[in-house]
Protein backbone atom coordinates (compact mmCIF):
# COMPACT_ATOMS: atom_id res chain seq x y z
CA LEU A 1 93.18 106.50 91.56
CA VAL A 2 92.53 109.77 92.81
CA PRO A 3 89.98 111.00 90.48
CA LEU A 4 88.45 107.20 91.01
CA ALA A 5 88.25 108.21 94.94
CA ALA A 6 87.09 111.48 93.99
CA THR A 7 83.94 110.23 91.96
CA LEU A 8 83.07 107.68 94.76
CA ILE A 9 82.82 109.81 97.18
CA GLY A 10 81.08 112.45 95.58
CA TYR A 11 83.30 115.33 94.94
CA PRO A 12 82.15 117.67 92.04
CA VAL A 13 85.62 118.25 90.48
CA ALA A 14 88.47 115.65 89.75
CA TYR A 15 91.93 116.38 88.37
CA VAL A 16 93.10 113.96 85.76
CA PRO A 17 96.46 114.80 84.40
CA ILE A 18 97.13 115.20 80.83
CA SER A 19 100.15 112.79 80.90
CA ALA A 20 102.25 110.18 83.50
CA ASP A 21 105.55 112.49 83.63
CA GLN A 22 103.07 115.82 84.23
CA THR A 23 104.64 117.51 87.91
CA SER A 24 102.66 121.03 87.44
CA PHE A 25 98.52 121.37 88.25
CA LEU A 26 97.16 125.01 87.56
CA SER A 27 99.73 126.84 88.56
CA GLY A 28 99.03 130.43 89.43
CA GLN A 29 94.81 129.63 88.14
CA PRO A 30 92.23 130.90 90.78
CA LEU A 31 90.86 128.09 92.49
CA ASP A 32 87.12 128.09 94.05
CA VAL A 33 88.18 126.33 97.48
CA TYR A 34 85.74 124.86 99.65
CA GLU A 35 85.55 123.14 103.24
CA ALA A 36 82.76 121.24 104.11
CA ILE A 37 82.43 121.25 108.31
CA VAL A 38 80.29 118.97 110.01
CA VAL A 39 78.84 121.08 113.22
CA PRO A 40 76.96 119.66 115.94
CA ALA A 41 73.25 120.85 116.92
CA THR A 42 75.34 121.93 120.26
CA SER A 43 77.93 124.32 118.28
CA CYS A 44 75.59 126.31 116.37
CA SER A 45 76.61 129.46 117.79
CA PRO A 46 79.75 131.12 115.83
CA SER A 47 81.53 131.23 118.95
CA LEU A 48 81.66 127.54 118.85
CA GLN A 49 81.49 126.87 115.43
CA SER A 50 85.78 126.96 115.35
CA SER A 51 85.57 124.39 118.41
CA ASP A 52 86.85 121.09 118.76
CA GLN A 53 83.11 120.09 118.33
CA SER A 54 83.41 120.57 114.80
CA HIS A 55 85.42 118.07 112.17
CA THR A 56 86.17 118.96 108.11
CA LEU A 57 84.36 116.11 106.19
CA LEU A 58 85.83 117.56 103.12
CA LYS A 59 88.12 120.49 101.15
CA PHE A 60 88.26 120.27 97.36
CA SER A 61 88.95 122.93 95.21
CA CYS A 62 88.20 123.75 91.23
CA PRO A 63 89.72 125.98 88.98
CA CYS A 64 87.24 129.12 88.88
CA LEU A 65 87.14 129.34 85.31
CA LEU A 66 85.33 126.20 85.22
CA ALA A 67 82.34 127.87 86.32
CA GLY A 68 82.21 130.34 83.55
CA THR A 69 81.30 127.17 81.44
CA ASN A 70 79.11 124.84 83.59
CA ARG A 71 76.35 126.55 86.23
CA GLU A 72 76.66 123.64 88.33
CA LEU A 73 80.03 124.55 90.03
CA LEU A 74 79.58 128.07 90.65
CA PRO A 75 79.87 128.29 94.18
CA GLU A 76 76.19 129.00 95.47
CA ARG A 77 75.16 126.32 93.54
CA VAL A 78 78.13 123.93 94.95
CA THR A 79 77.59 125.22 98.57
CA LYS A 80 73.70 124.01 98.08
CA ARG A 81 74.56 120.97 96.99
CA LEU A 82 77.00 119.78 99.51
CA GLN A 83 74.63 121.15 101.62
CA SER A 84 71.69 119.45 100.02
CA GLN A 85 74.00 115.97 99.88
CA PHE A 86 74.24 115.40 103.46
CA ARG A 87 71.33 117.45 105.31
CA GLU A 88 69.22 113.81 105.87
CA SER A 89 72.14 111.65 107.22
CA LEU A 90 73.54 114.76 109.41
CA SER A 91 70.12 115.92 111.05
CA SER A 92 69.59 112.35 112.02
CA ILE A 93 72.69 112.70 114.07
CA GLY A 94 71.63 116.50 115.44
CA SER A 95 74.45 117.67 112.90
CA SER A 96 74.39 120.15 110.49
CA LEU A 97 76.90 121.07 107.27
CA MET A 98 78.90 124.57 106.92
CA VAL A 99 80.30 124.99 103.73
CA HIS A 100 83.32 127.58 103.20
CA HIS A 101 84.22 128.70 100.43
CA HIS A 102 87.18 131.17 99.55
CA VAL A 103 89.22 131.81 96.15
CA GLU A 104 93.08 130.97 96.50
CA VAL A 105 95.74 130.79 94.23
CA MET A 106 98.95 128.30 94.55
CA ASP A 107 101.97 128.01 93.32
CA ARG A 108 100.70 124.16 92.09
CA VAL A 109 98.31 121.90 93.04
CA ALA A 110 98.90 118.16 94.59
CA LEU A 111 96.81 115.40 92.95
């Protein structure tokens, strides 16, 4: 159900286990991690962006190596697509979207 939910929500990547017995996912693999944060217009100064007024809308990861085979998964493109996807609806309520990206390596990824 997790991959289906990811697709319905509009995530660019959904993890699907190879088998039902698989317990370890992407161990030691560099991941592009994205966090999309809704920021009210009154909170646009950097000092207020981390305040209680902002809200994480979604957070997800994608193996870095996928960007090498699919240019749509390059961090710049994913960031632009997320901002474009939510721009109109968030501006209608006086908010905007900030997307933070970083690379992280984990022991394993939970699905």
